[in-house]
PDB file of all heavy atoms in Angstrom:
ATOM      1  N   ASN A   1      76.181 -70.285 -60.944  1.00  0.00           N
ATOM      2  CA  ASN A   1      76.038 -70.970 -59.634  1.00  0.00           C
ATOM      3  C   ASN A   1      75.640 -69.997 -58.525  1.00  0.00           C
ATOM      4  O   ASN A   1      74.988 -70.397 -57.584  1.00  0.00           O
ATOM      5  CB  ASN A   1      77.392 -71.646 -59.266  1.00  0.00           C
ATOM      6  CG  ASN A   1      77.672 -72.836 -60.188  1.00  0.00           C
ATOM      7  OD1 ASN A   1      76.762 -73.439 -60.752  1.00  0.00           O
ATOM      8  ND2 ASN A   1      78.957 -73.191 -60.257  1.00  0.00           N
ATOM      9  N   ALA A   2      76.083 -68.796 -58.594  1.00  0.00           N
ATOM     10  CA  ALA A   2      75.690 -67.816 -57.571  1.00  0.00           C
ATOM     11  C   ALA A   2      74.182 -67.589 -57.498  1.00  0.00           C
ATOM     12  O   ALA A   2      73.659 -67.300 -56.457  1.00  0.00           O
ATOM     13  CB  ALA A   2      76.390 -66.421 -57.833  1.00  0.00           C
ATOM     14  N   LYS A   3      73.503 -67.635 -58.683  1.00  0.00           N
ATOM     15  CA  LYS A   3      72.114 -67.478 -58.760  1.00  0.00           C
ATOM     16  C   LYS A   3      71.320 -68.805 -58.826  1.00  0.00           C
ATOM     17  O   LYS A   3      70.100 -68.790 -58.912  1.00  0.00           O
ATOM     18  CB  LYS A   3      71.759 -66.674 -59.986  1.00  0.00           C
ATOM     19  CG  LYS A   3      72.288 -65.246 -59.941  1.00  0.00           C
ATOM     20  CD  LYS A   3      71.851 -64.464 -61.156  1.00  0.00           C
ATOM     21  CE  LYS A   3      72.319 -63.027 -61.095  1.00  0.00           C
ATOM     22  NZ  LYS A   3      71.928 -62.225 -62.311  1.00  0.00           N
ATOM     23  N   ASN A   4      72.063 -69.900 -58.804  1.00  0.00           N
ATOM     24  CA  ASN A   4      71.433 -71.227 -58.970  1.00  0.00           C
ATOM     25  C   ASN A   4      70.514 -71.292 -60.215  1.00  0.00           C
ATOM     26  O   ASN A   4      69.395 -71.770 -60.112  1.00  0.00           O
ATOM     27  CB  ASN A   4      70.662 -71.631 -57.722  1.00  0.00           C
ATOM     28  CG  ASN A   4      71.566 -72.102 -56.529  1.00  0.00           C
ATOM     29  OD1 ASN A   4      72.826 -72.264 -56.767  1.00  0.00           O
ATOM     30  ND2 ASN A   4      70.979 -72.279 -55.377  1.00  0.00           N
ATOM     31  N   THR A   5      71.051 -70.791 -61.278  1.00  0.00           N
ATOM     32  CA  THR A   5      70.234 -70.719 -62.507  1.00  0.00           C
ATOM     33  C   THR A   5      70.963 -71.298 -63.654  1.00  0.00           C
ATOM     34  O   THR A   5      72.169 -71.073 -63.912  1.00  0.00           O
ATOM     35  CB  THR A   5      69.907 -69.153 -62.771  1.00  0.00           C
ATOM     36  OG1 THR A   5      69.187 -68.660 -61.708  1.00  0.00           O
ATOM     37  CG2 THR A   5      69.036 -69.073 -63.984  1.00  0.00           C
ATOM     38  N   LEU A   6      70.246 -72.009 -64.446  1.00  0.00           N
ATOM     39  CA  LEU A   6      70.702 -72.590 -65.687  1.00  0.00           C
ATOM     40  C   LEU A   6      70.076 -71.836 -66.889  1.00  0.00           C
ATOM     41  O   LEU A   6      68.910 -71.421 -66.841  1.00  0.00           O
ATOM     42  CB  LEU A   6      70.330 -74.077 -65.763  1.00  0.00           C
ATOM     43  CG  LEU A   6      70.792 -74.879 -66.982  1.00  0.00           C
ATOM     44  CD1 LEU A   6      72.291 -75.195 -66.850  1.00  0.00           C
ATOM     45  CD2 LEU A   6      69.950 -76.141 -67.105  1.00  0.00           C
ATOM     46  N   TYR A   7      70.825 -71.608 -67.945  1.00  0.00           N
ATOM     47  CA  TYR A   7      70.377 -70.910 -69.113  1.00  0.00           C
ATOM     48  C   TYR A   7      70.542 -71.656 -70.330  1.00  0.00           C
ATOM     49  O   TYR A   7      71.391 -72.593 -70.469  1.00  0.00           O
ATOM     50  CB  TYR A   7      71.197 -69.563 -69.229  1.00  0.00           C
ATOM     51  CG  TYR A   7      71.107 -68.649 -68.050  1.00  0.00           C
ATOM     52  CD1 TYR A   7      72.167 -68.564 -67.195  1.00  0.00           C
ATOM     53  CD2 TYR A   7      69.971 -67.795 -67.892  1.00  0.00           C
ATOM     54  CE1 TYR A   7      72.099 -67.682 -66.054  1.00  0.00           C
ATOM     55  CE2 TYR A   7      69.964 -66.971 -66.772  1.00  0.00           C
ATOM     56  CZ  TYR A   7      71.033 -66.886 -65.847  1.00  0.00           C
ATOM     57  OH  TYR A   7      70.931 -66.082 -64.792  1.00  0.00           O
ATOM     58  N   LEU A   8      69.695 -71.394 -71.305  1.00  0.00           N
ATOM     59  CA  LEU A   8      69.847 -71.867 -72.648  1.00  0.00           C
ATOM     60  C   LEU A   8      69.662 -70.739 -73.606  1.00  0.00           C
ATOM     61  O   LEU A   8      68.571 -70.247 -73.835  1.00  0.00           O
ATOM     62  CB  LEU A   8      68.829 -73.004 -72.988  1.00  0.00           C
ATOM     63  CG  LEU A   8      68.980 -73.604 -74.381  1.00  0.00           C
ATOM     64  CD1 LEU A   8      70.328 -74.451 -74.417  1.00  0.00           C
ATOM     65  CD2 LEU A   8      67.805 -74.516 -74.679  1.00  0.00           C
ATOM     66  N   GLN A   9      70.749 -70.280 -74.209  1.00  0.00           N
ATOM     67  CA  GLN A   9      70.708 -69.250 -75.243  1.00  0.00           C
ATOM     68  C   GLN A   9      70.477 -69.957 -76.584  1.00  0.00           C
ATOM     69  O   GLN A   9      71.262 -70.778 -76.970  1.00  0.00           O
ATOM     70  CB  GLN A   9      72.023 -68.462 -75.250  1.00  0.00           C
ATOM     71  CG  GLN A   9      72.019 -67.345 -76.291  1.00  0.00           C
ATOM     72  CD  GLN A   9      71.100 -66.272 -76.017  1.00  0.00           C
ATOM     73  OE1 GLN A   9      70.967 -65.741 -74.879  1.00  0.00           O
ATOM     74  NE2 GLN A   9      70.321 -65.877 -77.014  1.00  0.00           N
ATOM     75  N   MET A  10      69.479 -69.527 -77.261  1.00  0.00           N
ATOM     76  CA  MET A  10      69.096 -70.155 -78.534  1.00  0.00           C
ATOM     77  C   MET A  10      69.094 -69.051 -79.578  1.00  0.00           C
ATOM     78  O   MET A  10      68.363 -68.117 -79.520  1.00  0.00           O
ATOM     79  CB  MET A  10      67.710 -70.721 -78.519  1.00  0.00           C
ATOM     80  CG  MET A  10      67.563 -71.841 -77.452  1.00  0.00           C
ATOM     81  SD  MET A  10      66.008 -72.674 -77.482  1.00  0.00           S
ATOM     82  CE  MET A  10      64.825 -71.300 -76.963  1.00  0.00           C
ATOM     83  N   ASN A  11      70.036 -69.168 -80.569  1.00  0.00           N
ATOM     84  CA  ASN A  11      70.178 -68.182 -81.598  1.00  0.00           C
ATOM     85  C   ASN A  11      69.891 -68.899 -82.932  1.00  0.00           C
ATOM     86  O   ASN A  11      69.957 -70.127 -83.032  1.00  0.00           O
ATOM     87  CB  ASN A  11      71.596 -67.651 -81.647  1.00  0.00           C
ATOM     88  CG  ASN A  11      71.947 -66.898 -80.424  1.00  0.00           C
ATOM     89  OD1 ASN A  11      71.117 -66.208 -79.825  1.00  0.00           O
ATOM     90  ND2 ASN A  11      73.229 -66.999 -79.991  1.00  0.00           N
ATOM     91  N   GLY A  12      69.588 -68.131 -83.962  1.00  0.00           N
ATOM     92  CA  GLY A  12      69.276 -68.651 -85.272  1.00  0.00           C
ATOM     93  C   GLY A  12      68.157 -69.736 -85.227  1.00  0.00           C
ATOM     94  O   GLY A  12      68.306 -70.798 -85.873  1.00  0.00           O
ATOM     95  N   LEU A  13      67.152 -69.396 -84.537  1.00  0.00           N
ATOM     96  CA  LEU A  13      66.063 -70.435 -84.339  1.00  0.00           C
ATOM     97  C   LEU A  13      65.384 -70.765 -85.649  1.00  0.00           C
ATOM     98  O   LEU A  13      65.223 -69.933 -86.583  1.00  0.00           O
ATOM     99  CB  LEU A  13      65.023 -69.855 -83.376  1.00  0.00           C
ATOM    100  CG  LEU A  13      65.448 -69.928 -81.936  1.00  0.00           C
ATOM    101  CD1 LEU A  13      64.532 -69.000 -81.045  1.00  0.00           C
ATOM    102  CD2 LEU A  13      65.453 -71.349 -81.353  1.00  0.00           C
ATOM    103  N   LYS A  14      65.056 -72.039 -85.735  1.00  0.00           N
ATOM    104  CA  LYS A  14      64.431 -72.574 -86.918  1.00  0.00           C
ATOM    105  C   LYS A  14      63.025 -73.179 -86.562  1.00  0.00           C
ATOM    106  O   LYS A  14      62.793 -73.510 -85.363  1.00  0.00           O
ATOM    107  CB  LYS A  14      65.303 -73.723 -87.520  1.00  0.00           C
ATOM    108  CG  LYS A  14      66.681 -73.370 -87.827  1.00  0.00           C
ATOM    109  CD  LYS A  14      67.467 -74.495 -88.328  1.00  0.00           C
ATOM    110  CE  LYS A  14      68.895 -74.149 -88.620  1.00  0.00           C
ATOM    111  NZ  LYS A  14      69.696 -75.340 -89.073  1.00  0.00           N
ATOM    112  N   PRO A  15      62.098 -73.242 -87.502  1.00  0.00           N
ATOM    113  CA  PRO A  15      60.839 -73.843 -87.229  1.00  0.00           C
ATOM    114  C   PRO A  15      60.840 -75.192 -86.555  1.00  0.00           C
ATOM    115  O   PRO A  15      60.039 -75.481 -85.732  1.00  0.00           O
ATOM    116  CB  PRO A  15      60.138 -73.872 -88.571  1.00  0.00           C
ATOM    117  CG  PRO A  15      60.713 -72.804 -89.389  1.00  0.00           C
ATOM    118  CD  PRO A  15      62.203 -72.759 -88.919  1.00  0.00           C
ATOM    119  N   GLU A  16      61.805 -76.028 -86.930  1.00  0.00           N
ATOM    120  CA  GLU A  16      61.966 -77.286 -86.328  1.00  0.00           C
ATOM    121  C   GLU A  16      62.389 -77.299 -84.827  1.00  0.00           C
ATOM    122  O   GLU A  16      62.393 -78.293 -84.175  1.00  0.00           O
ATOM    123  CB  GLU A  16      62.921 -78.163 -87.104  1.00  0.00           C
ATOM    124  CG  GLU A  16      64.231 -77.542 -87.365  1.00  0.00           C
ATOM    125  CD  GLU A  16      64.338 -76.933 -88.794  1.00  0.00           C
ATOM    126  OE1 GLU A  16      63.397 -76.260 -89.157  1.00  0.00           O
ATOM    127  OE2 GLU A  16      65.398 -77.066 -89.472  1.00  0.00           O
ATOM    128  N   ASP A  17      62.760 -76.086 -84.342  1.00  0.00           N
ATOM    129  CA  ASP A  17      63.083 -75.852 -82.908  1.00  0.00           C
ATOM    130  C   ASP A  17      61.875 -75.773 -82.063  1.00  0.00           C
ATOM    131  O   ASP A  17      61.934 -75.739 -80.852  1.00  0.00           O
ATOM    132  CB  ASP A  17      64.037 -74.740 -82.764  1.00  0.00           C
ATOM    133  CG  ASP A  17      65.400 -74.910 -83.368  1.00  0.00           C
ATOM    134  OD1 ASP A  17      65.911 -75.986 -83.257  1.00  0.00           O
ATOM    135  OD2 ASP A  17      65.906 -73.935 -83.865  1.00  0.00           O
ATOM    136  N   THR A  18      60.738 -75.665 -82.725  1.00  0.00           N
ATOM    137  CA  THR A  18      59.441 -75.454 -81.954  1.00  0.00           C
ATOM    138  C   THR A  18      59.128 -76.662 -81.134  1.00  0.00           C
ATOM    139  O   THR A  18      59.363 -77.864 -81.516  1.00  0.00           O
ATOM    140  CB  THR A  18      58.276 -75.298 -82.976  1.00  0.00           C
ATOM    141  OG1 THR A  18      58.453 -74.102 -83.683  1.00  0.00           O
ATOM    142  CG2 THR A  18      56.976 -75.310 -82.230  1.00  0.00           C
ATOM    143  N   GLY A  19      58.755 -76.430 -79.863  1.00  0.00           N
ATOM    144  CA  GLY A  19      58.468 -77.479 -78.987  1.00  0.00           C
ATOM    145  C   GLY A  19      58.334 -77.009 -77.603  1.00  0.00           C
ATOM    146  O   GLY A  19      58.536 -75.833 -77.265  1.00  0.00           O
ATOM    147  N   THR A  20      58.102 -77.905 -76.667  1.00  0.00           N
ATOM    148  CA  THR A  20      58.066 -77.660 -75.257  1.00  0.00           C
ATOM    149  C   THR A  20      59.467 -77.957 -74.697  1.00  0.00           C
ATOM    150  O   THR A  20      59.981 -79.095 -74.829  1.00  0.00           O
ATOM    151  CB  THR A  20      57.013 -78.387 -74.475  1.00  0.00           C
ATOM    152  OG1 THR A  20      55.741 -78.128 -75.098  1.00  0.00           O
ATOM    153  CG2 THR A  20      57.027 -78.072 -73.023  1.00  0.00           C
ATOM    154  N   TYR A  21      60.107 -76.980 -74.110  1.00  0.00           N
ATOM    155  CA  TYR A  21      61.451 -77.156 -73.540  1.00  0.00           C
ATOM    156  C   TYR A  21      61.427 -77.366 -72.036  1.00  0.00           C
ATOM    157  O   TYR A  21      60.730 -76.631 -71.307  1.00  0.00           O
ATOM    158  CB  TYR A  21      62.302 -75.913 -73.925  1.00  0.00           C
ATOM    159  CG  TYR A  21      62.766 -75.925 -75.370  1.00  0.00           C
ATOM    160  CD1 TYR A  21      61.850 -75.725 -76.433  1.00  0.00           C
ATOM    161  CD2 TYR A  21      64.086 -76.122 -75.664  1.00  0.00           C
ATOM    162  CE1 TYR A  21      62.206 -75.778 -77.691  1.00  0.00           C
ATOM    163  CE2 TYR A  21      64.494 -76.149 -77.002  1.00  0.00           C
ATOM    164  CZ  TYR A  21      63.575 -75.895 -78.004  1.00  0.00           C
ATOM    165  OH  TYR A  21      63.987 -75.987 -79.361  1.00  0.00           O
ATOM    166  N   TYR A  22      62.132 -78.377 -71.595  1.00  0.00           N
ATOM    167  CA  TYR A  22      62.198 -78.705 -70.204  1.00  0.00           C
ATOM    168  C   TYR A  22      63.632 -78.626 -69.631  1.00  0.00           C
ATOM    169  O   TYR A  22      64.556 -78.986 -70.327  1.00  0.00           O
ATOM    170  CB  TYR A  22      61.715 -80.145 -69.990  1.00  0.00           C
ATOM    171  CG  TYR A  22      60.264 -80.386 -70.418  1.00  0.00           C
ATOM    172  CD1 TYR A  22      59.997 -80.840 -71.696  1.00  0.00           C
ATOM    173  CD2 TYR A  22      59.298 -80.301 -69.518  1.00  0.00           C
ATOM    174  CE1 TYR A  22      58.695 -81.030 -72.126  1.00  0.00           C
ATOM    175  CE2 TYR A  22      57.959 -80.524 -69.905  1.00  0.00           C
ATOM    176  CZ  TYR A  22      57.712 -80.944 -71.197  1.00  0.00           C
ATOM    177  OH  TYR A  22      56.406 -81.162 -71.615  1.00  0.00           O
ATOM    178  N   CYS A  23      63.692 -78.102 -68.461  1.00  0.00           N
ATOM    179  CA  CYS A  23      64.961 -78.092 -67.715  1.00  0.00           C
ATOM    180  C   CYS A  23      64.947 -79.425 -66.870  1.00  0.00           C
ATOM    181  O   CYS A  23      63.893 -79.869 -66.305  1.00  0.00           O
ATOM    182  CB  CYS A  23      65.036 -76.903 -66.779  1.00  0.00           C
ATOM    183  SG  CYS A  23      66.458 -76.805 -65.717  1.00  0.00           S
ATOM    184  N   ALA A  24      66.127 -80.029 -66.760  1.00  0.00           N
ATOM    185  CA  ALA A  24      66.155 -81.250 -65.948  1.00  0.00           C
ATOM    186  C   ALA A  24      67.540 -81.350 -65.195  1.00  0.00           C
ATOM    187  O   ALA A  24      68.514 -80.713 -65.580  1.00  0.00           O
ATOM    188  CB  ALA A  24      66.022 -82.470 -66.864  1.00  0.00           C
ATOM    189  N   ALA A  25      67.516 -82.176 -64.143  1.00  0.00           N
ATOM    190  CA  ALA A  25      68.716 -82.422 -63.367  1.00  0.00           C
ATOM    191  C   ALA A  25      68.800 -83.773 -62.843  1.00  0.00           C
ATOM    192  O   ALA A  25      67.734 -84.484 -62.649  1.00  0.00           O
ATOM    193  CB  ALA A  25      68.729 -81.374 -62.230  1.00  0.00           C
ATOM    194  N   HIS A  26      69.981 -84.228 -62.486  1.00  0.00           N
ATOM    195  CA  HIS A  26      70.160 -85.511 -61.778  1.00  0.00           C
ATOM    196  C   HIS A  26      71.431 -85.458 -61.032  1.00  0.00           C
ATOM    197  O   HIS A  26      72.338 -84.508 -61.189  1.00  0.00           O
ATOM    198  CB  HIS A  26      70.122 -86.734 -62.675  1.00  0.00           C
ATOM    199  CG  HIS A  26      71.230 -86.822 -63.578  1.00  0.00           C
ATOM    200  ND1 HIS A  26      72.487 -87.408 -63.187  1.00  0.00           N
ATOM    201  CD2 HIS A  26      71.361 -86.652 -64.923  1.00  0.00           C
ATOM    202  CE1 HIS A  26      73.317 -87.428 -64.175  1.00  0.00           C
ATOM    203  NE2 HIS A  26      72.759 -87.026 -65.287  1.00  0.00           N
ATOM    204  N   SER A  27      71.681 -86.361 -60.119  1.00  0.00           N
ATOM    205  CA  SER A  27      72.818 -86.439 -59.239  1.00  0.00           C
ATOM    206  C   SER A  27      73.683 -87.653 -59.481  1.00  0.00           C
ATOM    207  O   SER A  27      74.392 -88.079 -58.624  1.00  0.00           O
ATOM    208  CB  SER A  27      72.456 -86.311 -57.754  1.00  0.00           C
ATOM    209  OG  SER A  27      71.529 -87.344 -57.430  1.00  0.00           O
ATOM    210  N   GLY A  28      73.520 -88.275 -60.645  1.00  0.00           N
ATOM    211  CA  GLY A  28      74.212 -89.480 -60.985  1.00  0.00           C
ATOM    212  C   GLY A  28      75.689 -89.232 -61.355  1.00  0.00           C
ATOM    213  O   GLY A  28      76.175 -88.103 -61.271  1.00  0.00           O
ATOM    214  N   SER A  29      76.309 -90.296 -61.852  1.00  0.00           N
ATOM    215  CA  SER A  29      77.781 -90.229 -62.118  1.00  0.00           C
ATOM    216  C   SER A  29      78.092 -89.691 -63.530  1.00  0.00           C
ATOM    217  O   SER A  29      79.200 -89.223 -63.809  1.00  0.00           O
ATOM    218  CB  SER A  29      78.340 -91.594 -62.011  1.00  0.00           C
ATOM    219  OG  SER A  29      78.204 -92.163 -60.721  1.00  0.00           O
ATOM    220  N   TRP A  30      77.110 -89.679 -64.467  1.00  0.00           N
ATOM    221  CA  TRP A  30      77.377 -89.400 -65.781  1.00  0.00           C
ATOM    222  C   TRP A  30      76.445 -88.218 -66.234  1.00  0.00           C
ATOM    223  O   TRP A  30      75.466 -87.900 -65.561  1.00  0.00           O
ATOM    224  CB  TRP A  30      77.097 -90.544 -66.763  1.00  0.00           C
ATOM    225  CG  TRP A  30      77.858 -91.782 -66.304  1.00  0.00           C
ATOM    226  CD1 TRP A  30      77.329 -92.901 -65.754  1.00  0.00           C
ATOM    227  CD2 TRP A  30      79.270 -91.992 -66.336  1.00  0.00           C
ATOM    228  NE1 TRP A  30      78.327 -93.823 -65.448  1.00  0.00           N
ATOM    229  CE2 TRP A  30      79.513 -93.269 -65.747  1.00  0.00           C
ATOM    230  CE3 TRP A  30      80.352 -91.234 -66.728  1.00  0.00           C
ATOM    231  CZ2 TRP A  30      80.830 -93.732 -65.716  1.00  0.00           C
ATOM    232  CZ3 TRP A  30      81.635 -91.716 -66.624  1.00  0.00           C
ATOM    233  CH2 TRP A  30      81.835 -93.026 -66.151  1.00  0.00           C
ATOM    234  N   CYS A  31      76.793 -87.588 -67.328  1.00  0.00           N
ATOM    235  CA  CYS A  31      76.064 -86.436 -67.856  1.00  0.00           C
ATOM    236  C   CYS A  31      76.075 -86.631 -69.410  1.00  0.00           C
ATOM    237  O   CYS A  31      76.977 -86.412 -70.087  1.00  0.00           O
ATOM    238  CB  CYS A  31      76.763 -85.141 -67.492  1.00  0.00           C
ATOM    239  SG  CYS A  31      75.731 -83.638 -67.704  1.00  0.00           S
ATOM    240  N   ALA A  32      74.872 -86.865 -69.849  1.00  0.00           N
ATOM    241  CA  ALA A  32      74.691 -87.133 -71.304  1.00  0.00           C
ATOM    242  C   ALA A  32      73.267 -86.747 -71.774  1.00  0.00           C
ATOM    243  O   ALA A  32      72.402 -86.388 -70.916  1.00  0.00           O
ATOM    244  CB  ALA A  32      74.908 -88.631 -71.617  1.00  0.00           C
ATOM    245  N   LEU A  33      73.080 -86.693 -73.086  1.00  0.00           N
ATOM    246  CA  LEU A  33      71.884 -86.205 -73.698  1.00  0.00           C
ATOM    247  C   LEU A  33      70.846 -87.334 -73.734  1.00  0.00           C
ATOM    248  O   LEU A  33      70.298 -87.636 -74.828  1.00  0.00           O
ATOM    249  CB  LEU A  33      72.159 -85.753 -75.116  1.00  0.00           C
ATOM    250  CG  LEU A  33      73.038 -84.431 -75.246  1.00  0.00           C
ATOM    251  CD1 LEU A  33      73.609 -84.274 -76.624  1.00  0.00           C
ATOM    252  CD2 LEU A  33      72.158 -83.266 -74.858  1.00  0.00           C
ATOM    253  N   ARG A  34      70.604 -87.918 -72.596  1.00  0.00           N
ATOM    254  CA  ARG A  34      69.556 -89.016 -72.479  1.00  0.00           C
ATOM    255  C   ARG A  34      68.557 -88.652 -71.371  1.00  0.00           C
ATOM    256  O   ARG A  34      68.859 -88.583 -70.196  1.00  0.00           O
ATOM    257  CB  ARG A  34      70.284 -90.328 -72.127  1.00  0.00           C
ATOM    258  CG  ARG A  34      71.236 -90.850 -73.226  1.00  0.00           C
ATOM    259  CD  ARG A  34      71.758 -92.225 -72.956  1.00  0.00           C
ATOM    260  NE  ARG A  34      72.723 -92.211 -71.909  1.00  0.00           N
ATOM    261  CZ  ARG A  34      74.013 -92.150 -72.105  1.00  0.00           C
ATOM    262  NH1 ARG A  34      74.469 -92.026 -73.350  1.00  0.00           N
ATOM    263  NH2 ARG A  34      74.842 -92.118 -71.079  1.00  0.00           N
TER     264      ARG A  34
END
């Protein structure tokens, strides 16, 4: 929060992890993988 930064540490990467990764945010009431 001090740096206003979000991280994603990815270990043990697999070929199926290949793709374009996006960061996203919202200000709604819920927080889910949608």
